[in-house]
Structure formats: structure tokens, C-alpha cells
Protein backbone atom coordinates (compact mmCIF):
# COMPACT_ATOMS: atom_id res chain seq x y z
CA MET A 1 211.85 126.93 94.80
CA VAL A 2 212.89 124.97 97.88
CA ILE A 3 212.40 126.73 101.19
CA LYS A 4 215.33 125.90 103.46
CA GLU A 5 216.14 126.23 107.14
CA GLU A 6 218.01 129.50 106.57
CA GLY A 7 216.86 132.31 104.29
CA GLN A 8 218.09 132.53 100.72
CA ARG A 9 218.77 135.42 98.39
CA ILE A 10 215.79 136.69 96.45
CA THR A 11 216.47 138.02 92.98
CA TYR A 12 214.67 140.82 91.25
CA SER A 13 213.41 138.38 88.61
CA MET A 14 211.79 136.30 91.37
CA LEU A 15 210.04 139.40 92.60
CA GLU A 16 208.92 140.30 89.08
CA ALA A 17 207.34 136.84 88.71
CA LEU A 18 204.85 137.61 91.49
CA PRO A 19 201.29 138.61 90.59
CA GLU A 20 200.95 142.33 89.91
CA LYS A 21 198.57 142.79 92.80
CA ILE A 22 197.06 141.05 95.77
CA GLU A 23 193.33 141.59 96.23
CA ILE A 24 190.90 140.92 99.02
CA ILE A 25 187.97 138.93 97.64
CA ASP A 26 185.33 137.71 100.08
CA GLY A 27 187.74 138.30 102.95
CA LYS A 28 190.56 136.24 101.39
CA LEU A 29 193.86 137.46 99.97
CA GLU A 30 193.87 136.37 96.33
CA GLY A 31 197.33 136.16 94.78
CA ALA A 32 199.10 136.03 98.14
CA ASP A 33 200.27 132.38 97.91
CA GLU A 34 203.25 133.14 95.69
CA PHE A 35 204.19 136.17 97.80
CA LEU A 36 204.08 134.05 100.96
CA LEU A 37 206.27 131.34 99.43
CA LEU A 38 208.81 133.90 98.24
CA SER A 39 208.81 135.52 101.69
CA LEU A 40 209.44 132.15 103.35
CA TYR A 41 212.19 131.46 100.81
CA GLY A 42 213.81 134.76 101.81
CA ILE A 43 213.58 134.39 105.59
CA GLY A 44 213.86 130.60 105.94
CA ILE A 45 211.99 128.16 108.17
CA ARG A 46 214.07 128.95 111.28
CA GLU A 47 213.13 132.66 111.23
CA PHE A 48 209.53 131.80 110.36
CA LEU A 49 209.30 129.63 113.48
CA ARG A 50 210.97 132.34 115.58
CA ILE A 51 208.33 134.94 114.67
CA LEU A 52 205.36 132.56 114.75
CA PRO A 53 203.11 132.94 117.82
CA ARG A 54 203.43 129.93 120.17
CA GLU A 55 199.75 129.01 119.82
CA THR A 56 200.14 128.92 116.04
CA GLU A 57 203.38 126.94 116.31
CA LYS A 58 201.59 124.21 118.29
CA MET A 59 198.77 124.15 115.74
CA LEU A 60 201.32 123.82 112.93
CA ILE A 61 203.03 120.91 114.67
CA ASP A 62 199.68 119.17 115.18
CA LEU A 63 198.75 119.68 111.51
CA ILE A 64 202.10 118.30 110.33
CA LYS A 65 201.68 115.25 112.56
CA ALA A 66 198.12 114.68 111.34
CA ASP A 67 199.18 115.06 107.71
CA SER A 68 202.03 112.63 108.26
CA GLU A 69 199.63 110.08 109.75
CA ASP A 70 197.20 110.59 106.86
CA ASN A 71 200.01 109.95 104.36
CA LYS A 72 200.98 106.74 106.19
CA MET A 73 197.36 105.56 105.93
CA ASP A 74 197.29 106.36 102.20
CA VAL A 75 200.44 104.30 101.61
CA LYS A 76 198.95 101.26 103.39
CA LYS A 77 195.84 101.28 101.15
């Protein structure tokens, strides 16, 4: 599943492939990863960024930059 700039159609079979339930265990949502990815697939990156709070958007940009720099360092090794 490739998440694109614009949302894509979600099929019923994609929905059926999700875990049967999402549980809170020690304050964390277990089984939510697949649901989140399918949601992002359905709404697209552009809409995700539109609804993301500005503070979170800046944090995301910083994390992407840091990850990119880390990957550059790994390649040089």
C-alpha cells in the first residue's frame, strides 16, 4: 500500500484485513498501526497535513529532516 498525495479508494477487503479490534494496553493503542495506514491511504498526505496541528507539523518536518540526515550518515559508513 503506497500512501499518495491525494486520497485513494479503500475497498471492503482492505477494511476486512484490519485487526478485529484495537485495544488500549498500558496506555498504548495496540493494533492501531494498520488502521492508521489505511486511514492515511484513504485521505492522502495533503489532507493529513491540512488537519495536522501546526505544532505537530513542525515536529514532523524536523523528524523527517533528522531521519534524512541519519540516513546520509549511514550511507557514508
